[in-house]
Amino acid sequence: MLSCKHMIGQLLGRQLKRHASHGITARLLEQRYVELTQPDGRQLKYPSIWLRDNCQCSECFHAATRARKSHWERGPLHVQAERVSYDEERQQLIINWQDAHNSSYDLDWLQQRDFSAEARQRYLDEVYKQPAQLWGKPQFGAVTREFAYQDVLQKDAVLCAWLEALAVHGFALLREAPHDTQVVRHLAERIGYIKHTTYGDVFEVKSKPNAGNYAYLMTPLPLHTDMPYYEYKAGINILHTLVQSESPGGANTMTDGFYIADKMRREHPEYYELLRTIPVNWYDIGHDGDAGKPFHSLWRGPVICLDIDGHFARINQNTTKRDSRFTVPLEQALAWYEAYDKFLQLAQAEAVEFKTRPGDVFVFNNLRMLHGRTAYEDSAQNKRHLIGAYVDWDIIYSKIRTLKFPNLKC
């Protein structure tokens, strides 16, 4: 994976490089588009309504807040361009509108907003979200990224590389964290803001008497994602190993859920469609040690969720938190179980296993990775103890962008 510094240079070089403006021409096409032809023959084409909507003059745009000032009640649908020209000296497109308003647009600004398929995809991949690199069990070693805990806290370049590893590969390991219950809080606040849930902001994972959550038992923890019962599901899970079990168990298990979803789509398309379309009730009922603060969380969603572009966005899987109330038509239930069984079979076959050490911080994408744990045994002298916290992906992507593109304009 390219370093953040190298990628910043590449993108900003593409974005900010000024093409020679000599000979650039502008013309109006059917009152619907404005077209710029550059000296090398390449063309930039923009909807005239979009140009009016994004006029950068002080009357239309508030620079300090990066917000439009006009057209709050209605859009500029019926305002047409009367004349267009290109100012060679200022390197600006000039538009005179029929309502006597005038707009100017810097060439660099327009090039950064090119409507071509290549430019749009580049922006989505480099600024919006880095594309996920899916992996199976044989690729685990190649995609594993390790970072020093103190470097993440102290060096922005390492912080950026760590967050991008989480975005692309879905997990990463931090080494040499101190024996301190605040490690996960420090990491969350280094990114931005910790996520509060019904289990607090920082939570403990250890064997507890009268456990209110299956994770607090010493039994095997099957592959799952945390909090499928939340509409706004926790983005990443930060797990700091304070004390590891000296028994043979207590190892982490993990599978790339997006890889399994893709495998289902390619090899078992009918099952894939069932898991993509049939909603499941996910729930969590109880309290976290305080009977005076009970909760009843419930969210209805399929196992495989896609985003607006058809990419994998979220995997919901938690056998311990799947409600017995299956609110779908009777005839869908049997087919769903067949598809679900295939999903679990493939996930188990691709699961990797590793055991963290005290001072390790295992961080993973909770929307993507299925994680679990092998059974273990505590003793009077050795009690397995992890500290955890969550951060939402909105906060993480925001941090990545501010690190990579501090001067990027809207």
Protein backbone atom coordinates (compact mmCIF):
# COMPACT_ATOMS: atom_id res chain seq x y z
CA MET A 1 0.00 0.00 0.00
CA LEU A 2 1.35 3.43 -0.90
CA SER A 3 2.35 5.70 1.94
CA CYS A 4 0.01 8.54 2.86
CA LYS A 5 2.67 11.06 1.86
CA HIS A 6 3.09 9.47 -1.56
CA MET A 7 -0.66 9.25 -2.17
CA ILE A 8 -1.17 12.86 -1.08
CA GLY A 9 1.47 13.95 -3.57
CA GLN A 10 -0.09 11.93 -6.35
CA LEU A 11 -3.63 13.17 -5.78
CA LEU A 12 -2.80 16.79 -5.15
CA GLY A 13 -0.48 16.72 -8.13
CA ARG A 14 -3.37 15.61 -10.29
CA GLN A 15 -5.75 18.05 -8.64
CA LEU A 16 -3.62 21.16 -8.51
CA LYS A 17 -1.52 20.90 -11.66
CA ARG A 18 -2.47 23.77 -13.95
CA HIS A 19 -2.85 22.89 -17.57
CA ALA A 20 -1.61 25.59 -19.90
CA SER A 21 -4.63 27.81 -20.43
CA HIS A 22 -3.59 29.35 -23.75
CA GLY A 23 -6.21 28.59 -26.34
CA ILE A 24 -8.92 27.36 -23.97
CA THR A 25 -12.36 28.00 -25.42
CA ALA A 26 -15.78 28.01 -23.79
CA ARG A 27 -19.14 27.49 -25.38
CA LEU A 28 -22.77 27.04 -24.37
CA LEU A 29 -24.53 23.89 -25.58
CA GLU A 30 -28.31 24.01 -25.97
CA GLN A 31 -28.66 26.14 -22.83
CA ARG A 32 -28.03 22.98 -20.83
CA TYR A 33 -24.25 22.52 -20.71
CA VAL A 34 -21.08 24.59 -20.71
CA GLU A 35 -18.08 23.05 -22.44
CA LEU A 36 -14.42 23.99 -22.11
CA THR A 37 -11.98 22.74 -24.75
CA GLN A 38 -8.36 22.64 -23.58
CA PRO A 39 -5.26 23.10 -25.80
CA ASP A 40 -4.66 19.34 -25.93
CA GLY A 41 -8.21 18.74 -27.15
CA ARG A 42 -9.56 17.40 -23.88
CA GLN A 43 -12.95 18.73 -22.95
CA LEU A 44 -14.57 19.60 -19.65
CA LYS A 45 -18.35 19.63 -19.69
CA TYR A 46 -20.67 20.83 -16.93
CA PRO A 47 -24.45 21.21 -16.54
CA SER A 48 -25.29 24.90 -16.55
CA ILE A 49 -27.71 24.41 -13.65
CA TRP A 50 -24.87 22.88 -11.61
CA LEU A 51 -22.64 25.86 -12.38
CA ARG A 52 -25.32 28.29 -11.21
CA ASP A 53 -25.99 26.20 -8.11
CA ASN A 54 -22.27 26.32 -7.29
CA CYS A 55 -21.55 29.95 -8.07
CA GLN A 56 -18.56 30.96 -5.92
CA CYS A 57 -19.22 34.69 -5.67
CA SER A 58 -19.69 36.27 -2.24
CA GLU A 59 -23.37 36.81 -2.94
CA CYS A 60 -23.96 33.09 -3.48
CA PHE A 61 -21.27 31.38 -1.39
CA HIS A 62 -20.14 31.96 2.20
CA ALA A 63 -16.45 31.10 2.04
CA ALA A 64 -15.79 30.94 5.79
CA THR A 65 -18.44 28.25 6.35
CA ARG A 66 -18.10 26.69 2.87
CA ALA A 67 -21.85 26.92 2.39
CA ARG A 68 -24.24 28.17 -0.27
CA LYS A 69 -26.08 31.36 0.63
CA SER A 70 -28.66 31.38 -2.15
CA HIS A 71 -31.38 29.06 -3.47
CA TRP A 72 -32.40 27.78 -0.03
CA GLU A 73 -36.10 27.76 -0.91
CA ARG A 74 -35.83 26.56 -4.52
CA GLY A 75 -33.09 25.43 -6.88
CA PRO A 76 -31.88 27.47 -9.88
CA LEU A 77 -33.82 25.30 -12.33
CA HIS A 78 -35.09 28.06 -14.64
CA VAL A 79 -32.07 30.39 -14.61
CA GLN A 80 -30.26 30.08 -17.94
CA ALA A 81 -26.83 31.20 -19.08
CA GLU A 82 -26.83 34.05 -21.57
CA ARG A 83 -23.14 34.13 -22.49
CA VAL A 84 -20.00 32.17 -21.59
CA SER A 85 -16.35 33.06 -22.12
CA TYR A 86 -12.91 32.16 -20.85
CA ASP A 87 -10.55 34.72 -19.27
CA GLU A 88 -7.03 33.69 -20.26
CA GLU A 89 -5.29 36.04 -17.82
CA ARG A 90 -7.28 34.99 -14.75
CA GLN A 91 -7.70 31.37 -15.88
CA GLN A 92 -11.41 31.59 -15.19
CA LEU A 93 -14.65 30.58 -16.85
CA ILE A 94 -17.02 33.58 -16.96
CA ILE A 95 -20.79 33.13 -17.19
CA ASN A 96 -23.32 35.93 -17.62
CA TRP A 97 -26.79 34.76 -16.61
CA GLN A 98 -30.13 35.92 -17.97
CA ASP A 99 -31.12 37.39 -14.60
CA ALA A 100 -28.07 39.72 -14.81
CA HIS A 101 -26.02 37.69 -12.32
CA ASN A 102 -22.36 37.01 -13.20
CA SER A 103 -20.25 34.05 -12.10
CA SER A 104 -16.58 33.13 -12.42
CA TYR A 105 -14.92 29.76 -11.83
CA ASP A 106 -11.19 29.05 -11.51
CA LEU A 107 -9.86 26.48 -13.96
CA ASP A 108 -8.31 24.43 -11.13
CA TRP A 109 -11.66 24.37 -9.31
CA LEU A 110 -13.41 23.11 -12.44
CA GLN A 111 -10.77 20.48 -13.18
CA GLN A 112 -11.15 19.08 -9.68
CA ARG A 113 -14.87 18.67 -10.35
CA ASP A 114 -14.59 17.08 -13.78
CA PHE A 115 -17.70 15.00 -14.57
CA SER A 116 -15.74 12.36 -16.51
CA ALA A 117 -16.10 8.77 -15.32
CA GLU A 118 -12.37 8.56 -14.50
CA ALA A 119 -12.37 11.74 -12.40
CA ARG A 120 -15.52 10.76 -10.53
CA GLN A 121 -14.16 7.32 -9.70
CA ARG A 122 -10.82 8.76 -8.60
CA TYR A 123 -12.56 11.08 -6.15
CA LEU A 124 -14.69 8.24 -4.76
CA ASP A 125 -11.66 5.94 -4.32
CA GLU A 126 -9.18 8.47 -2.95
CA VAL A 127 -11.28 10.98 -1.03
CA TYR A 128 -14.64 9.40 -0.27
CA LYS A 129 -13.65 5.86 0.76
CA GLN A 130 -10.66 3.71 -0.07
CA PRO A 131 -11.80 0.50 -1.86
CA ALA A 132 -11.77 -2.58 0.34
CA GLN A 133 -9.27 -5.31 -0.51
CA LEU A 134 -11.06 -8.57 0.17
CA TRP A 135 -9.04 -11.51 1.44
CA GLY A 136 -9.37 -15.18 2.30
CA LYS A 137 -7.45 -17.38 4.69
CA PRO A 138 -4.39 -17.86 2.40
CA GLN A 139 -3.93 -14.08 2.13
CA PHE A 140 -4.06 -13.36 5.88
CA GLY A 141 -0.29 -13.01 6.31
CA ALA A 142 0.04 -10.73 3.30
CA VAL A 143 -2.66 -8.30 4.44
CA THR A 144 -1.70 -8.17 8.14
CA ARG A 145 -0.40 -4.73 9.13
CA GLU A 146 1.33 -4.02 12.45
CA PHE A 147 2.07 -0.64 14.02
CA ALA A 148 3.73 0.56 17.21
CA TYR A 149 1.21 1.99 19.64
CA GLN A 150 3.31 5.05 20.50
CA ASP A 151 3.90 5.81 16.81
CA VAL A 152 0.15 5.91 16.21
CA LEU A 153 -0.26 8.35 19.08
CA GLN A 154 2.65 10.60 18.14
CA LYS A 155 3.03 10.53 14.34
CA ASP A 156 0.30 11.66 11.97
CA ALA A 157 1.73 9.67 9.05
CA VAL A 158 1.54 6.44 11.08
CA LEU A 159 -1.96 7.30 12.30
CA CYS A 160 -3.03 7.79 8.68
CA ALA A 161 -1.44 4.51 7.56
CA TRP A 162 -3.13 2.64 10.42
CA LEU A 163 -6.56 4.03 9.62
CA GLU A 164 -6.13 3.30 5.92
CA ALA A 165 -5.14 -0.29 6.75
CA LEU A 166 -8.41 -0.60 8.67
CA ALA A 167 -10.33 0.85 5.72
CA VAL A 168 -8.66 -1.33 3.08
CA HIS A 169 -7.91 -4.64 4.83
CA GLY A 170 -10.42 -4.45 7.67
CA PHE A 171 -8.05 -4.97 10.61
CA ALA A 172 -4.64 -4.14 12.04
CA LEU A 173 -2.53 -4.92 15.11
CA LEU A 174 -0.84 -2.43 17.40
CA ARG A 175 2.09 -3.59 19.50
CA GLU A 176 3.70 -2.51 22.77
CA ALA A 177 0.81 -0.67 24.36
CA PRO A 178 1.31 0.00 28.09
CA HIS A 179 -0.50 -1.89 30.84
CA ASP A 180 -3.07 0.89 31.19
CA THR A 181 -6.86 0.65 31.16
CA GLN A 182 -7.02 3.94 29.21
CA VAL A 183 -5.20 2.71 26.08
CA VAL A 184 -8.39 2.23 24.05
CA ARG A 185 -9.67 5.64 25.11
CA HIS A 186 -6.43 7.29 24.05
CA LEU A 187 -6.64 5.61 20.64
CA ALA A 188 -10.29 6.53 20.15
CA GLU A 189 -9.62 10.15 21.08
CA ARG A 190 -6.58 10.21 18.81
CA ILE A 191 -8.99 9.46 15.96
CA GLY A 192 -11.75 11.73 17.18
CA TYR A 193 -14.60 10.61 19.42
CA ILE A 194 -15.41 7.42 21.25
CA LYS A 195 -18.80 5.80 20.63
CA HIS A 196 -21.12 5.47 23.61
CA THR A 197 -23.32 2.37 23.71
CA THR A 198 -25.49 0.55 26.23
CA TYR A 199 -22.23 -0.96 27.50
CA GLY A 200 -20.71 2.46 28.17
CA ASP A 201 -17.83 4.09 26.34
CA VAL A 202 -15.04 1.77 27.49
CA PHE A 203 -15.97 -1.83 28.29
CA GLU A 204 -14.26 -4.88 29.76
CA VAL A 205 -14.18 -8.33 28.21
CA LYS A 206 -13.55 -10.90 30.91
CA SER A 207 -15.28 -13.76 32.63
CA LYS A 208 -17.99 -12.39 34.91
CA PRO A 209 -20.31 -14.13 37.38
CA ASN A 210 -23.96 -13.95 36.28
CA ALA A 211 -22.79 -12.67 32.90
CA GLY A 212 -25.29 -10.51 31.03
CA ASN A 213 -23.48 -10.93 27.70
CA TYR A 214 -22.27 -14.10 26.02
CA ALA A 215 -18.82 -12.56 25.49
CA TYR A 216 -18.35 -12.54 29.27
CA LEU A 217 -18.30 -16.34 29.43
CA MET A 218 -15.24 -18.57 28.97
CA THR A 219 -17.01 -20.71 26.36
CA PRO A 220 -16.19 -20.47 22.63
CA LEU A 221 -17.46 -17.27 21.08
CA PRO A 222 -18.71 -18.02 17.54
CA LEU A 223 -17.88 -15.78 14.59
CA HIS A 224 -20.01 -12.65 14.78
CA THR A 225 -20.20 -8.89 14.40
CA ASP A 226 -20.91 -6.70 17.40
CA MET A 227 -24.19 -4.85 17.77
CA PRO A 228 -26.19 -5.92 14.70
CA TYR A 229 -29.14 -4.73 16.79
CA TYR A 230 -28.02 -1.09 16.34
CA GLU A 231 -29.20 0.90 13.33
CA TYR A 232 -25.98 2.90 13.67
CA LYS A 233 -23.70 -0.04 14.34
CA ALA A 234 -20.28 0.51 15.90
CA GLY A 235 -17.65 1.08 13.20
CA ILE A 236 -14.39 -0.30 14.57
CA ASN A 237 -13.74 -2.39 17.65
CA ILE A 238 -10.55 -1.57 19.60
CA LEU A 239 -9.53 -4.47 21.87
CA HIS A 240 -6.53 -4.08 24.16
CA THR A 241 -5.16 -7.24 25.75
CA LEU A 242 -4.24 -6.46 29.35
CA VAL A 243 -3.98 -10.09 30.47
CA GLN A 244 -4.01 -13.07 28.12
CA SER A 245 -5.08 -16.54 29.15
CA GLU A 246 -2.26 -18.93 29.91
CA SER A 247 -4.56 -21.81 29.00
CA PRO A 248 -4.39 -23.21 25.45
CA GLY A 249 -7.52 -21.21 24.53
CA GLY A 250 -8.43 -17.55 24.36
CA ALA A 251 -7.26 -17.16 20.76
CA ASN A 252 -8.89 -14.72 18.37
CA THR A 253 -10.71 -16.02 15.30
CA MET A 254 -11.59 -13.82 12.32
CA THR A 255 -13.04 -13.99 8.81
CA ASP A 256 -13.42 -11.25 6.21
CA GLY A 257 -17.22 -11.02 5.97
CA PHE A 258 -17.07 -9.04 2.72
CA TYR A 259 -14.97 -11.81 1.18
CA ILE A 260 -17.61 -14.37 2.20
CA ALA A 261 -20.40 -12.19 0.81
CA ASP A 262 -18.52 -11.88 -2.48
CA LYS A 263 -17.93 -15.63 -2.57
CA MET A 264 -21.66 -16.19 -2.00
CA ARG A 265 -22.48 -13.77 -4.83
CA ARG A 266 -20.16 -15.57 -7.25
CA GLU A 267 -20.71 -19.20 -6.28
CA HIS A 268 -24.17 -19.27 -4.71
CA PRO A 269 -26.14 -16.37 -6.23
CA GLU A 270 -29.57 -17.59 -5.13
CA TYR A 271 -28.44 -17.90 -1.52
CA TYR A 272 -26.73 -14.53 -1.79
CA GLU A 273 -29.97 -12.84 -2.85
CA LEU A 274 -31.81 -14.35 0.10
CA LEU A 275 -29.21 -13.07 2.58
CA ARG A 276 -29.20 -9.66 0.88
CA THR A 277 -32.97 -9.17 0.85
CA ILE A 278 -34.58 -11.05 3.75
CA PRO A 279 -34.51 -9.00 6.98
CA VAL A 280 -33.60 -10.57 10.30
CA ASN A 281 -34.51 -9.29 13.77
CA TRP A 282 -31.37 -8.66 15.84
CA TYR A 283 -31.85 -7.84 19.51
CA ASP A 284 -30.18 -7.23 22.86
CA ILE A 285 -32.20 -7.19 26.07
CA GLY A 286 -30.87 -6.77 29.60
CA HIS A 287 -28.55 -4.44 31.48
CA ASP A 288 -24.81 -4.05 31.94
CA GLY A 289 -24.60 -4.61 35.66
CA ASP A 290 -27.10 -1.90 36.61
CA ALA A 291 -30.68 -3.17 36.78
CA GLY A 292 -31.82 0.44 36.99
CA LYS A 293 -30.62 1.03 33.41
CA PRO A 294 -32.21 -1.73 31.34
CA PHE A 295 -32.09 -1.76 27.55
CA HIS A 296 -34.04 -3.38 24.74
CA SER A 297 -32.17 -2.84 21.47
CA LEU A 298 -33.76 -4.07 18.24
CA TRP A 299 -32.82 -3.62 14.59
CA ARG A 300 -34.16 -5.34 11.51
CA GLY A 301 -31.79 -5.89 8.60
CA PRO A 302 -30.40 -8.59 6.28
CA VAL A 303 -27.13 -10.42 6.78
CA ILE A 304 -25.55 -8.73 3.74
CA CYS A 305 -26.05 -4.98 3.29
CA LEU A 306 -24.99 -2.90 0.27
CA ASP A 307 -24.39 0.82 -0.09
CA ILE A 308 -25.83 3.15 -2.71
CA ASP A 309 -23.16 2.09 -5.23
CA GLY A 310 -23.78 -1.63 -4.74
CA HIS A 311 -20.64 -2.21 -2.67
CA PHE A 312 -20.63 -4.25 0.52
CA ALA A 313 -21.38 -1.92 3.42
CA ARG A 314 -22.27 -4.05 6.43
CA ILE A 315 -22.47 -7.65 7.55
CA ASN A 316 -24.96 -8.58 10.27
CA GLN A 317 -24.15 -11.88 11.95
CA ASN A 318 -24.50 -12.78 15.60
CA THR A 319 -26.09 -16.10 16.44
CA THR A 320 -26.41 -15.14 20.10
CA LYS A 321 -28.30 -11.94 19.20
CA ARG A 322 -30.63 -13.24 16.48
CA ASP A 323 -34.21 -12.96 17.68
CA SER A 324 -36.49 -16.01 17.70
CA ARG A 325 -39.12 -13.69 16.24
CA PHE A 326 -38.56 -14.03 12.51
CA THR A 327 -40.96 -11.50 11.02
CA VAL A 328 -40.94 -12.68 7.41
CA PRO A 329 -43.51 -14.67 5.40
CA LEU A 330 -43.55 -18.34 6.37
CA GLU A 331 -42.39 -19.53 2.95
CA GLN A 332 -39.17 -17.45 3.17
CA ALA A 333 -37.95 -18.90 6.45
CA LEU A 334 -36.76 -22.33 5.24
CA ALA A 335 -34.93 -20.93 2.22
CA TRP A 336 -33.22 -18.31 4.41
CA TYR A 337 -31.91 -20.98 6.80
CA GLU A 338 -30.39 -22.89 3.89
CA ALA A 339 -28.63 -19.74 2.67
CA TYR A 340 -27.53 -18.82 6.20
CA ASP A 341 -26.07 -22.28 6.75
CA LYS A 342 -23.99 -21.92 3.57
CA PHE A 343 -22.76 -18.48 4.72
CA LEU A 344 -21.65 -19.88 8.10
CA GLN A 345 -20.00 -22.88 6.43
CA LEU A 346 -17.93 -20.64 4.17
CA ALA A 347 -17.08 -18.26 7.03
CA GLN A 348 -15.79 -21.09 9.20
CA ALA A 349 -13.70 -22.49 6.35
CA GLU A 350 -11.97 -19.10 5.86
CA ALA A 351 -11.45 -18.29 9.55
CA VAL A 352 -7.93 -17.48 10.75
CA GLU A 353 -6.77 -17.95 14.32
CA PHE A 354 -4.15 -16.04 16.29
CA LYS A 355 -3.55 -15.21 19.94
CA THR A 356 -2.74 -11.71 21.08
CA ARG A 357 -0.20 -10.97 23.77
CA PRO A 358 -0.41 -8.51 26.67
CA GLY A 359 0.23 -5.08 25.17
CA ASP A 360 -1.35 -5.96 21.82
CA VAL A 361 -4.30 -3.96 20.51
CA PHE A 362 -6.42 -5.79 17.96
CA VAL A 363 -8.51 -3.33 15.93
CA PHE A 364 -10.97 -4.34 13.24
CA ASN A 365 -13.84 -3.10 11.09
CA ASN A 366 -16.97 -4.22 12.91
CA LEU A 367 -19.12 -3.66 9.81
CA ARG A 368 -17.01 -6.16 7.87
CA MET A 369 -15.05 -8.60 10.02
CA LEU A 370 -16.57 -11.62 11.71
CA HIS A 371 -14.63 -12.22 14.90
CA GLY A 372 -14.73 -14.80 17.66
CA ARG A 373 -12.72 -16.49 20.37
CA THR A 374 -11.77 -20.01 21.36
CA ALA A 375 -12.73 -21.30 24.80
CA TYR A 376 -10.33 -20.67 27.66
CA GLU A 377 -9.94 -21.30 31.39
CA ASP A 378 -9.17 -18.75 34.07
CA SER A 379 -7.23 -19.63 37.18
CA ALA A 380 -6.73 -17.89 40.48
CA GLN A 381 -3.41 -16.53 39.21
CA ASN A 382 -4.40 -15.81 35.60
CA LYS A 383 -7.66 -14.18 34.49
CA ARG A 384 -8.01 -13.15 30.84
CA HIS A 385 -8.81 -9.45 30.65
CA LEU A 386 -9.39 -7.21 27.60
CA ILE A 387 -10.50 -3.58 27.42
CA GLY A 388 -12.58 -2.42 24.46
CA ALA A 389 -14.02 0.69 22.83
CA TYR A 390 -15.75 1.64 19.59
CA VAL A 391 -15.37 4.46 17.06
CA ASP A 392 -17.77 5.18 14.20
CA TRP A 393 -16.58 5.12 10.59
CA ASP A 394 -17.87 8.63 9.94
CA ILE A 395 -15.28 9.85 12.45
CA ILE A 396 -12.53 7.65 11.00
CA TYR A 397 -13.05 8.69 7.38
CA SER A 398 -13.16 12.32 8.47
CA LYS A 399 -9.79 11.88 10.19
CA ILE A 400 -8.27 10.21 7.14
CA ARG A 401 -9.38 13.08 4.91
CA THR A 402 -8.07 15.80 7.21
CA LEU A 403 -4.71 14.02 7.37
CA LYS A 404 -4.41 13.40 3.62
CA PHE A 405 -6.10 16.49 2.20
CA PRO A 406 -5.92 19.33 4.73
CA ASN A 407 -6.45 21.99 2.06
CA LEU A 408 -9.10 20.26 -0.02
CA LYS A 409 -11.96 22.64 -0.85
CA CYS A 410 -15.65 21.88 -1.22
